[in-house]
Amino acid sequence: MVCKRCIKVVRDEFAKLNLDIEEIELGKVNVSSQLSIDKIGEIRQVLDENGFELIDDKKSRLIESIKTLIIEKIHHSGHILESKNSSDYIAKELGYDYSYLSHLFSSVEGMTIEKYIINQKIEKVKELLVYDELTLNEISYQLGYSSVQHLSSQFKKITGLTPSHFKKLKEGKRKPLDEI
């Protein structure tokens, strides 16, 4: 789950399955009762129908937790996730050594955590450019870039376009967060 609408969909679907949710947040749901194998199958099916997946092994849950932390920090909290502090933040939040998390993430996802953070930040830049409410300088500051030039060069490297050229385009500007 990568957004608040995702949480709503999952909450609604679990209610249809008569499951009492104790806690729900991005990427995680705790239910109040033990689940039978049949009920887990129903959950898996309803999640699949809504474009989600049930993650039931420890390493996959850990990778999803890393992604959820990054998405929450960049897209939903309004706080900066600076590259130099991201490793400390992720390790502290998840209670694992960062080198273990980094190796696990890279081996499964085929990219580093740093690259994933950059991709998420660029997607946030696209969103802010589309909304056209902030200057590039303000966007650069909001996302913790050292300069507009750094943001622009990273943006061009990822998208193949300058931020100003991207802003002029009309369609196909953004990707869903779970496809990044």
N, C-alpha and C. Protein backbone atom coordinates (compact mmCIF):
# COMPACT_ATOMS: atom_id res chain seq x y z
N MET A 1 0.86 -1.18 0.00
CA MET A 1 0.00 0.00 0.00
C MET A 1 0.90 1.23 0.00
N VAL A 2 0.65 2.13 -0.90
CA VAL A 2 1.53 3.28 -1.01
C VAL A 2 0.83 4.62 -0.83
N CYS A 3 -0.44 4.62 -0.50
CA CYS A 3 -1.12 5.89 -0.29
C CYS A 3 -2.31 5.69 0.64
N LYS A 4 -2.90 6.79 1.05
CA LYS A 4 -4.04 6.72 1.96
C LYS A 4 -5.27 6.08 1.30
N ARG A 5 -5.41 6.24 -0.01
CA ARG A 5 -6.51 5.56 -0.72
C ARG A 5 -6.32 4.05 -0.69
N CYS A 6 -5.05 3.63 -0.74
CA CYS A 6 -4.76 2.19 -0.65
C CYS A 6 -5.24 1.65 0.69
N ILE A 7 -4.99 2.40 1.75
CA ILE A 7 -5.42 1.99 3.09
C ILE A 7 -6.94 1.86 3.13
N LYS A 8 -7.64 2.81 2.52
CA LYS A 8 -9.10 2.77 2.50
C LYS A 8 -9.60 1.53 1.76
N VAL A 9 -9.01 1.23 0.62
CA VAL A 9 -9.42 0.05 -0.15
C VAL A 9 -9.22 -1.21 0.68
N VAL A 10 -8.06 -1.33 1.30
CA VAL A 10 -7.78 -2.53 2.10
C VAL A 10 -8.73 -2.61 3.29
N ARG A 11 -8.98 -1.50 3.96
CA ARG A 11 -9.91 -1.48 5.09
C ARG A 11 -11.29 -1.95 4.65
N ASP A 12 -11.76 -1.42 3.52
CA ASP A 12 -13.09 -1.79 3.00
C ASP A 12 -13.15 -3.28 2.63
N GLU A 13 -12.11 -3.76 1.98
CA GLU A 13 -12.09 -5.17 1.57
C GLU A 13 -12.02 -6.11 2.78
N PHE A 14 -11.24 -5.73 3.78
CA PHE A 14 -11.17 -6.56 4.99
C PHE A 14 -12.52 -6.55 5.72
N ALA A 15 -13.22 -5.43 5.69
CA ALA A 15 -14.55 -5.36 6.31
C ALA A 15 -15.51 -6.32 5.59
N LYS A 16 -15.43 -6.38 4.27
CA LYS A 16 -16.27 -7.30 3.50
C LYS A 16 -15.98 -8.75 3.87
N LEU A 17 -14.75 -9.02 4.28
CA LEU A 17 -14.36 -10.38 4.69
C LEU A 17 -14.61 -10.63 6.18
N ASN A 18 -15.27 -9.65 6.83
CA ASN A 18 -15.58 -9.73 8.27
C ASN A 18 -14.33 -9.88 9.13
N LEU A 19 -13.28 -9.15 8.77
CA LEU A 19 -12.05 -9.16 9.55
C LEU A 19 -11.97 -7.87 10.36
N ASP A 20 -11.72 -8.00 11.64
CA ASP A 20 -11.56 -6.83 12.51
C ASP A 20 -10.11 -6.38 12.48
N ILE A 21 -9.89 -5.15 12.05
CA ILE A 21 -8.55 -4.61 11.94
C ILE A 21 -8.18 -3.94 13.25
N GLU A 22 -7.05 -4.36 13.83
CA GLU A 22 -6.53 -3.71 15.03
C GLU A 22 -5.73 -2.47 14.65
N GLU A 23 -4.96 -2.59 13.59
CA GLU A 23 -4.08 -1.50 13.15
C GLU A 23 -3.88 -1.62 11.65
N ILE A 24 -3.88 -0.46 10.98
CA ILE A 24 -3.59 -0.44 9.55
C ILE A 24 -2.77 0.80 9.26
N GLU A 25 -1.72 0.60 8.51
CA GLU A 25 -0.86 1.70 8.07
C GLU A 25 -0.29 1.32 6.72
N LEU A 26 0.46 2.21 6.12
CA LEU A 26 1.01 1.91 4.81
C LEU A 26 1.84 0.63 4.88
N GLY A 27 1.46 -0.36 4.10
CA GLY A 27 2.22 -1.59 4.00
C GLY A 27 1.97 -2.63 5.08
N LYS A 28 1.04 -2.39 6.00
CA LYS A 28 0.88 -3.31 7.11
C LYS A 28 -0.55 -3.30 7.64
N VAL A 29 -1.07 -4.51 7.92
CA VAL A 29 -2.39 -4.65 8.53
C VAL A 29 -2.28 -5.69 9.64
N ASN A 30 -2.77 -5.36 10.82
CA ASN A 30 -2.89 -6.32 11.91
C ASN A 30 -4.36 -6.57 12.15
N VAL A 31 -4.73 -7.86 12.17
CA VAL A 31 -6.11 -8.22 12.46
C VAL A 31 -6.19 -8.83 13.85
N SER A 32 -7.39 -8.80 14.43
CA SER A 32 -7.55 -9.20 15.83
C SER A 32 -7.70 -10.70 16.04
N SER A 33 -7.82 -11.47 14.98
CA SER A 33 -8.03 -12.91 15.16
C SER A 33 -6.99 -13.70 14.37
N GLN A 34 -6.84 -14.98 14.76
CA GLN A 34 -6.00 -15.89 14.01
C GLN A 34 -6.67 -16.17 12.68
N LEU A 35 -5.87 -16.32 11.64
CA LEU A 35 -6.43 -16.54 10.30
C LEU A 35 -6.21 -17.97 9.86
N SER A 36 -7.27 -18.57 9.35
CA SER A 36 -7.16 -19.91 8.79
C SER A 36 -6.48 -19.83 7.43
N ILE A 37 -6.04 -20.96 6.94
CA ILE A 37 -5.42 -21.00 5.61
C ILE A 37 -6.42 -20.55 4.55
N ASP A 38 -7.69 -20.94 4.71
CA ASP A 38 -8.72 -20.52 3.76
C ASP A 38 -8.90 -19.00 3.78
N LYS A 39 -8.91 -18.41 4.98
CA LYS A 39 -9.10 -16.95 5.10
C LYS A 39 -7.90 -16.22 4.49
N ILE A 40 -6.71 -16.75 4.69
CA ILE A 40 -5.51 -16.15 4.08
C ILE A 40 -5.63 -16.21 2.56
N GLY A 41 -6.17 -17.30 2.05
CA GLY A 41 -6.40 -17.41 0.61
C GLY A 41 -7.38 -16.37 0.10
N GLU A 42 -8.44 -16.13 0.88
CA GLU A 42 -9.41 -15.09 0.51
C GLU A 42 -8.76 -13.72 0.51
N ILE A 43 -7.96 -13.46 1.54
CA ILE A 43 -7.25 -12.17 1.63
C ILE A 43 -6.33 -12.00 0.43
N ARG A 44 -5.56 -13.03 0.13
CA ARG A 44 -4.64 -12.97 -1.01
C ARG A 44 -5.40 -12.66 -2.30
N GLN A 45 -6.54 -13.31 -2.50
CA GLN A 45 -7.34 -13.11 -3.71
C GLN A 45 -7.86 -11.68 -3.80
N VAL A 46 -8.43 -11.17 -2.71
CA VAL A 46 -9.01 -9.82 -2.75
C VAL A 46 -7.91 -8.76 -2.90
N LEU A 47 -6.76 -9.01 -2.31
CA LEU A 47 -5.64 -8.07 -2.49
C LEU A 47 -5.17 -8.09 -3.95
N ASP A 48 -5.03 -9.28 -4.53
CA ASP A 48 -4.63 -9.40 -5.93
C ASP A 48 -5.61 -8.68 -6.85
N GLU A 49 -6.91 -8.82 -6.58
CA GLU A 49 -7.92 -8.16 -7.41
C GLU A 49 -7.82 -6.65 -7.36
N ASN A 50 -7.26 -6.12 -6.28
CA ASN A 50 -7.12 -4.67 -6.12
C ASN A 50 -5.71 -4.17 -6.42
N GLY A 51 -4.88 -5.04 -6.98
CA GLY A 51 -3.53 -4.62 -7.37
C GLY A 51 -2.51 -4.64 -6.24
N PHE A 52 -2.83 -5.33 -5.14
CA PHE A 52 -1.90 -5.46 -4.03
C PHE A 52 -1.42 -6.90 -3.97
N GLU A 53 -0.47 -7.15 -3.07
CA GLU A 53 -0.06 -8.53 -2.86
C GLU A 53 0.12 -8.78 -1.37
N LEU A 54 -0.09 -10.01 -0.99
CA LEU A 54 0.11 -10.42 0.40
C LEU A 54 1.56 -10.84 0.53
N ILE A 55 2.25 -10.19 1.42
CA ILE A 55 3.66 -10.48 1.62
C ILE A 55 3.77 -11.28 2.90
N ASP A 56 4.25 -12.52 2.76
CA ASP A 56 4.25 -13.37 3.92
C ASP A 56 5.60 -13.97 4.27
N ASP A 57 6.68 -13.50 3.63
CA ASP A 57 7.98 -13.95 4.10
C ASP A 57 8.74 -12.76 4.67
N LYS A 58 9.60 -13.02 5.61
CA LYS A 58 10.26 -11.97 6.39
C LYS A 58 11.08 -11.00 5.53
N LYS A 59 11.82 -11.51 4.57
CA LYS A 59 12.67 -10.63 3.75
C LYS A 59 11.82 -9.73 2.86
N SER A 60 10.76 -10.27 2.29
CA SER A 60 9.88 -9.45 1.46
C SER A 60 9.20 -8.37 2.29
N ARG A 61 8.79 -8.73 3.50
CA ARG A 61 8.17 -7.73 4.39
C ARG A 61 9.16 -6.63 4.73
N LEU A 62 10.42 -7.00 4.92
CA LEU A 62 11.44 -6.01 5.25
C LEU A 62 11.67 -5.06 4.08
N ILE A 63 11.72 -5.58 2.89
CA ILE A 63 11.89 -4.73 1.69
C ILE A 63 10.69 -3.81 1.53
N GLU A 64 9.49 -4.33 1.73
CA GLU A 64 8.30 -3.49 1.65
C GLU A 64 8.31 -2.42 2.74
N SER A 65 8.82 -2.76 3.89
CA SER A 65 8.93 -1.77 4.98
C SER A 65 9.89 -0.65 4.60
N ILE A 66 10.99 -0.99 3.95
CA ILE A 66 11.94 0.03 3.49
C ILE A 66 11.24 0.95 2.50
N LYS A 67 10.56 0.37 1.52
CA LYS A 67 9.86 1.17 0.51
C LYS A 67 8.80 2.06 1.16
N THR A 68 8.05 1.50 2.08
CA THR A 68 6.99 2.26 2.74
C THR A 68 7.56 3.43 3.52
N LEU A 69 8.67 3.22 4.24
CA LEU A 69 9.31 4.32 4.97
C LEU A 69 9.70 5.45 4.03
N ILE A 70 10.31 5.08 2.92
CA ILE A 70 10.78 6.07 1.95
C ILE A 70 9.60 6.82 1.33
N ILE A 71 8.60 6.10 0.89
CA ILE A 71 7.43 6.72 0.28
C ILE A 71 6.72 7.63 1.27
N GLU A 72 6.53 7.14 2.49
CA GLU A 72 5.88 7.95 3.52
C GLU A 72 6.65 9.24 3.77
N LYS A 73 7.95 9.13 3.89
CA LYS A 73 8.78 10.31 4.19
C LYS A 73 8.77 11.31 3.04
N ILE A 74 8.89 10.84 1.82
CA ILE A 74 9.00 11.74 0.67
C ILE A 74 7.64 12.26 0.21
N HIS A 75 6.65 11.39 0.13
CA HIS A 75 5.39 11.77 -0.49
C HIS A 75 4.30 12.21 0.48
N HIS A 76 4.36 11.78 1.73
CA HIS A 76 3.23 12.02 2.62
C HIS A 76 3.53 12.85 3.86
N SER A 77 4.76 12.85 4.33
CA SER A 77 5.02 13.51 5.60
C SER A 77 5.39 14.98 5.45
N GLY A 78 5.86 15.36 4.28
CA GLY A 78 6.28 16.74 4.11
C GLY A 78 7.67 17.01 4.68
N HIS A 79 8.33 15.95 5.16
CA HIS A 79 9.68 16.11 5.69
C HIS A 79 10.69 15.68 4.64
N ILE A 80 11.87 16.22 4.77
CA ILE A 80 12.94 15.92 3.83
C ILE A 80 13.60 14.60 4.24
N LEU A 81 13.88 13.76 3.25
CA LEU A 81 14.68 12.56 3.47
C LEU A 81 15.98 12.79 2.72
N GLU A 82 16.96 13.31 3.44
CA GLU A 82 18.24 13.61 2.82
C GLU A 82 19.05 12.34 2.67
N SER A 83 19.78 12.25 1.58
CA SER A 83 20.54 11.04 1.29
C SER A 83 21.53 10.72 2.40
N LYS A 84 22.17 11.74 2.94
CA LYS A 84 23.20 11.48 3.96
C LYS A 84 22.60 10.95 5.26
N ASN A 85 21.32 11.22 5.52
CA ASN A 85 20.68 10.75 6.75
C ASN A 85 19.75 9.56 6.53
N SER A 86 19.51 9.21 5.28
CA SER A 86 18.53 8.15 5.00
C SER A 86 18.95 6.81 5.58
N SER A 87 20.23 6.50 5.52
CA SER A 87 20.68 5.20 6.04
C SER A 87 20.46 5.10 7.54
N ASP A 88 20.76 6.16 8.27
CA ASP A 88 20.53 6.16 9.72
C ASP A 88 19.05 6.07 10.03
N TYR A 89 18.24 6.82 9.31
CA TYR A 89 16.79 6.83 9.53
C TYR A 89 16.20 5.43 9.29
N ILE A 90 16.52 4.83 8.17
CA ILE A 90 15.96 3.51 7.82
C ILE A 90 16.42 2.45 8.81
N ALA A 91 17.70 2.44 9.14
CA ALA A 91 18.23 1.45 10.10
C ALA A 91 17.57 1.61 11.47
N LYS A 92 17.41 2.83 11.91
CA LYS A 92 16.80 3.09 13.23
C LYS A 92 15.34 2.65 13.23
N GLU A 93 14.59 3.03 12.20
CA GLU A 93 13.16 2.71 12.14
C GLU A 93 12.89 1.21 12.08
N LEU A 94 13.76 0.47 11.38
CA LEU A 94 13.52 -0.95 11.19
C LEU A 94 14.29 -1.84 12.17
N GLY A 95 15.26 -1.25 12.87
CA GLY A 95 16.00 -2.01 13.87
C GLY A 95 16.97 -3.03 13.30
N TYR A 96 17.49 -2.75 12.13
CA TYR A 96 18.48 -3.62 11.49
C TYR A 96 19.70 -2.78 11.11
N ASP A 97 20.82 -3.45 10.94
CA ASP A 97 22.03 -2.80 10.45
C ASP A 97 21.78 -2.36 9.00
N TYR A 98 22.18 -1.14 8.67
CA TYR A 98 21.90 -0.62 7.34
C TYR A 98 22.58 -1.45 6.25
N SER A 99 23.78 -1.93 6.49
CA SER A 99 24.47 -2.69 5.45
C SER A 99 23.69 -3.97 5.10
N TYR A 100 23.07 -4.61 6.09
CA TYR A 100 22.23 -5.78 5.84
C TYR A 100 21.02 -5.38 4.99
N LEU A 101 20.34 -4.29 5.40
CA LEU A 101 19.16 -3.82 4.67
C LEU A 101 19.52 -3.46 3.23
N SER A 102 20.64 -2.77 3.07
CA SER A 102 21.08 -2.33 1.75
C SER A 102 21.38 -3.51 0.84
N HIS A 103 22.08 -4.50 1.37
CA HIS A 103 22.42 -5.69 0.58
C HIS A 103 21.15 -6.46 0.20
N LEU A 104 20.25 -6.64 1.16
CA LEU A 104 18.99 -7.34 0.91
C LEU A 104 18.18 -6.62 -0.17
N PHE A 105 18.02 -5.32 0.00
CA PHE A 105 17.24 -4.52 -0.95
C PHE A 105 17.82 -4.62 -2.35
N SER A 106 19.12 -4.43 -2.48
CA SER A 106 19.78 -4.47 -3.79
C SER A 106 19.67 -5.83 -4.44
N SER A 107 19.83 -6.89 -3.65
CA SER A 107 19.80 -8.24 -4.23
C SER A 107 18.40 -8.60 -4.74
N VAL A 108 17.37 -8.10 -4.09
CA VAL A 108 16.01 -8.43 -4.50
C VAL A 108 15.47 -7.44 -5.54
N GLU A 109 15.70 -6.15 -5.33
CA GLU A 109 15.11 -5.13 -6.19
C GLU A 109 15.97 -4.77 -7.41
N GLY A 110 17.24 -5.13 -7.39
CA GLY A 110 18.10 -4.82 -8.53
C GLY A 110 18.51 -3.36 -8.59
N MET A 111 18.35 -2.65 -7.50
CA MET A 111 18.80 -1.26 -7.39
C MET A 111 19.11 -0.99 -5.92
N THR A 112 19.91 0.02 -5.70
CA THR A 112 20.25 0.38 -4.33
C THR A 112 19.10 1.14 -3.67
N ILE A 113 19.14 1.21 -2.37
CA ILE A 113 18.15 2.02 -1.64
C ILE A 113 18.30 3.48 -2.06
N GLU A 114 19.53 3.92 -2.22
CA GLU A 114 19.79 5.31 -2.65
C GLU A 114 19.12 5.60 -3.99
N LYS A 115 19.25 4.68 -4.93
CA LYS A 115 18.63 4.86 -6.26
C LYS A 115 17.10 4.90 -6.12
N TYR A 116 16.55 4.05 -5.25
CA TYR A 116 15.11 4.05 -5.02
C TYR A 116 14.66 5.39 -4.44
N ILE A 117 15.43 5.93 -3.50
CA ILE A 117 15.12 7.23 -2.91
C ILE A 117 15.15 8.31 -4.00
N ILE A 118 16.17 8.28 -4.83
CA ILE A 118 16.28 9.27 -5.91
C ILE A 118 15.07 9.17 -6.84
N ASN A 119 14.69 7.94 -7.21
CA ASN A 119 13.52 7.77 -8.09
C ASN A 119 12.25 8.32 -7.44
N GLN A 120 12.08 8.08 -6.16
CA GLN A 120 10.91 8.61 -5.45
C GLN A 120 10.94 10.13 -5.40
N LYS A 121 12.12 10.69 -5.15
CA LYS A 121 12.23 12.16 -5.11
C LYS A 121 11.92 12.77 -6.47
N ILE A 122 12.41 12.14 -7.53
CA ILE A 122 12.13 12.66 -8.87
C ILE A 122 10.64 12.57 -9.18
N GLU A 123 10.00 11.51 -8.72
CA GLU A 123 8.55 11.41 -8.92
C GLU A 123 7.82 12.52 -8.16
N LYS A 124 8.31 12.85 -6.97
CA LYS A 124 7.73 13.95 -6.20
C LYS A 124 7.98 15.28 -6.91
N VAL A 125 9.16 15.45 -7.50
CA VAL A 125 9.45 16.66 -8.28
C VAL A 125 8.45 16.77 -9.43
N LYS A 126 8.20 15.66 -10.13
CA LYS A 126 7.21 15.67 -11.23
C LYS A 126 5.86 16.14 -10.72
N GLU A 127 5.43 15.58 -9.59
CA GLU A 127 4.14 15.96 -9.02
C GLU A 127 4.09 17.46 -8.75
N LEU A 128 5.13 17.97 -8.13
CA LEU A 128 5.16 19.39 -7.78
C LEU A 128 5.24 20.28 -9.02
N LEU A 129 5.93 19.81 -10.05
CA LEU A 129 5.99 20.57 -11.30
C LEU A 129 4.62 20.61 -11.98
N VAL A 130 3.90 19.50 -11.94
CA VAL A 130 2.57 19.43 -12.55
C VAL A 130 1.62 20.38 -11.83
N TYR A 131 1.70 20.42 -10.49
CA TYR A 131 0.82 21.31 -9.72
C TYR A 131 1.14 22.77 -9.96
N ASP A 132 2.38 23.06 -10.35
CA ASP A 132 2.80 24.42 -10.74
C ASP A 132 2.55 25.46 -9.65
N GLU A 133 2.73 25.07 -8.39
CA GLU A 133 2.53 26.01 -7.29
C GLU A 133 3.84 26.49 -6.69
N LEU A 134 4.93 25.75 -6.94
CA LEU A 134 6.23 26.09 -6.37
C LEU A 134 7.23 26.33 -7.49
N THR A 135 8.21 27.18 -7.21
CA THR A 135 9.30 27.36 -8.16
C THR A 135 10.25 26.17 -8.04
N LEU A 136 11.10 26.01 -9.01
CA LEU A 136 12.08 24.92 -8.96
C LEU A 136 13.01 25.10 -7.76
N ASN A 137 13.30 26.33 -7.43
CA ASN A 137 14.13 26.61 -6.26
C ASN A 137 13.42 26.13 -4.98
N GLU A 138 12.13 26.39 -4.85
CA GLU A 138 11.37 25.95 -3.69
C GLU A 138 11.26 24.43 -3.63
N ILE A 139 11.08 23.82 -4.79
CA ILE A 139 11.01 22.36 -4.85
C ILE A 139 12.34 21.76 -4.42
N SER A 140 13.41 22.33 -4.93
CA SER A 140 14.76 21.87 -4.58
C SER A 140 14.98 21.93 -3.07
N TYR A 141 14.59 23.02 -2.47
CA TYR A 141 14.74 23.18 -1.01
C TYR A 141 13.84 22.19 -0.26
N GLN A 142 12.60 22.06 -0.69
CA GLN A 142 11.64 21.18 -0.01
C GLN A 142 12.11 19.73 0.00
N LEU A 143 12.76 19.30 -1.07
CA LEU A 143 13.19 17.91 -1.17
C LEU A 143 14.64 17.68 -0.73
N GLY A 144 15.27 18.72 -0.20
CA GLY A 144 16.60 18.56 0.39
C GLY A 144 17.75 18.50 -0.59
N TYR A 145 17.55 19.02 -1.79
CA TYR A 145 18.66 19.07 -2.74
C TYR A 145 19.61 20.20 -2.35
N SER A 146 20.89 20.02 -2.64
CA SER A 146 21.88 21.03 -2.29
C SER A 146 21.75 22.27 -3.17
N SER A 147 21.19 22.09 -4.37
CA SER A 147 21.02 23.22 -5.28
C SER A 147 20.01 22.86 -6.36
N VAL A 148 19.52 23.87 -7.07
CA VAL A 148 18.62 23.66 -8.20
C VAL A 148 19.37 22.90 -9.30
N GLN A 149 20.65 23.21 -9.47
CA GLN A 149 21.44 22.54 -10.49
C GLN A 149 21.54 21.03 -10.21
N HIS A 150 21.70 20.67 -8.93
CA HIS A 150 21.78 19.25 -8.58
C HIS A 150 20.45 18.56 -8.88
N LEU A 151 19.35 19.18 -8.49
CA LEU A 151 18.03 18.63 -8.79
C LEU A 151 17.85 18.49 -10.30
N SER A 152 18.19 19.53 -11.04
CA SER A 152 17.99 19.53 -12.50
C SER A 152 18.81 18.44 -13.18
N SER A 153 20.06 18.26 -12.74
CA SER A 153 20.89 17.24 -13.39
C SER A 153 20.39 15.84 -13.04
N GLN A 154 19.95 15.63 -11.80
CA GLN A 154 19.40 14.33 -11.42
C GLN A 154 18.10 14.07 -12.17
N PHE A 155 17.26 15.10 -12.29
CA PHE A 155 15.99 14.98 -13.00
C PHE A 155 16.23 14.58 -14.45
N LYS A 156 17.18 15.25 -15.10
CA LYS A 156 17.47 14.96 -16.50
C LYS A 156 18.05 13.55 -16.65
N LYS A 157 18.89 13.15 -15.71
CA LYS A 157 19.49 11.81 -15.77
C LYS A 157 18.41 10.72 -15.68
N ILE A 158 17.41 10.94 -14.84
CA ILE A 158 16.35 9.94 -14.64
C ILE A 158 15.30 10.00 -15.75
N THR A 159 14.85 11.19 -16.11
CA THR A 159 13.73 11.32 -17.05
C THR A 159 14.15 11.57 -18.49
N GLY A 160 15.37 12.05 -18.68
CA GLY A 160 15.82 12.43 -20.03
C GLY A 160 15.36 13.81 -20.43
N LEU A 161 14.70 14.51 -19.51
CA LEU A 161 14.18 15.85 -19.79
C LEU A 161 14.65 16.83 -18.72
N THR A 162 14.72 18.09 -19.08
CA THR A 162 14.95 19.11 -18.06
C THR A 162 13.63 19.35 -17.34
N PRO A 163 13.67 19.83 -16.10
CA PRO A 163 12.42 20.12 -15.40
C PRO A 163 11.52 21.09 -16.18
N SER A 164 12.10 22.10 -16.80
CA SER A 164 11.27 23.07 -17.53
C SER A 164 10.63 22.43 -18.76
N HIS A 165 11.34 21.55 -19.45
CA HIS A 165 10.76 20.86 -20.61
C HIS A 165 9.66 19.91 -20.15
N PHE A 166 9.91 19.21 -19.05
CA PHE A 166 8.90 18.30 -18.49
C PHE A 166 7.61 19.06 -18.17
N LYS A 167 7.77 20.23 -17.59
CA LYS A 167 6.63 21.05 -17.17
C LYS A 167 5.75 21.43 -18.37
N LYS A 168 6.37 21.55 -19.54
CA LYS A 168 5.62 21.95 -20.74
C LYS A 168 4.84 20.79 -21.37
N LEU A 169 5.23 19.57 -21.04
CA LEU A 169 4.53 18.41 -21.60
C LEU A 169 3.11 18.33 -21.04
N LYS A 170 2.23 17.70 -21.78
CA LYS A 170 0.83 17.64 -21.35
C LYS A 170 0.42 16.28 -20.81
N GLU A 171 0.95 15.17 -21.34
CA GLU A 171 0.46 13.85 -20.94
C GLU A 171 1.61 12.94 -20.54
N GLY A 172 1.26 11.88 -19.83
CA GLY A 172 2.23 10.85 -19.48
C GLY A 172 3.32 11.31 -18.54
N LYS A 173 2.97 12.25 -17.68
CA LYS A 173 4.00 12.85 -16.86
C LYS A 173 4.41 12.02 -15.66
N ARG A 174 3.46 11.34 -15.05
CA ARG A 174 3.75 10.71 -13.77
C ARG A 174 3.47 9.22 -13.81
N LYS A 175 4.12 8.51 -12.85
CA LYS A 175 3.92 7.08 -12.69
C LYS A 175 3.30 6.82 -11.33
N PRO A 176 2.49 5.77 -11.21
CA PRO A 176 2.02 5.38 -9.87
C PRO A 176 3.22 5.00 -9.00
N LEU A 177 3.16 5.30 -7.72
CA LEU A 177 4.29 5.07 -6.84
C LEU A 177 4.73 3.62 -6.80
N ASP A 178 3.81 2.71 -6.93
CA ASP A 178 4.19 1.30 -6.85
C ASP A 178 4.82 0.78 -8.14
N GLU A 179 4.92 1.63 -9.17
CA GLU A 179 5.57 1.22 -10.42
C GLU A 179 6.95 1.84 -10.58
N ILE A 180 7.41 2.54 -9.57
CA ILE A 180 8.73 3.18 -9.64
C ILE A 180 9.79 2.19 -9.24
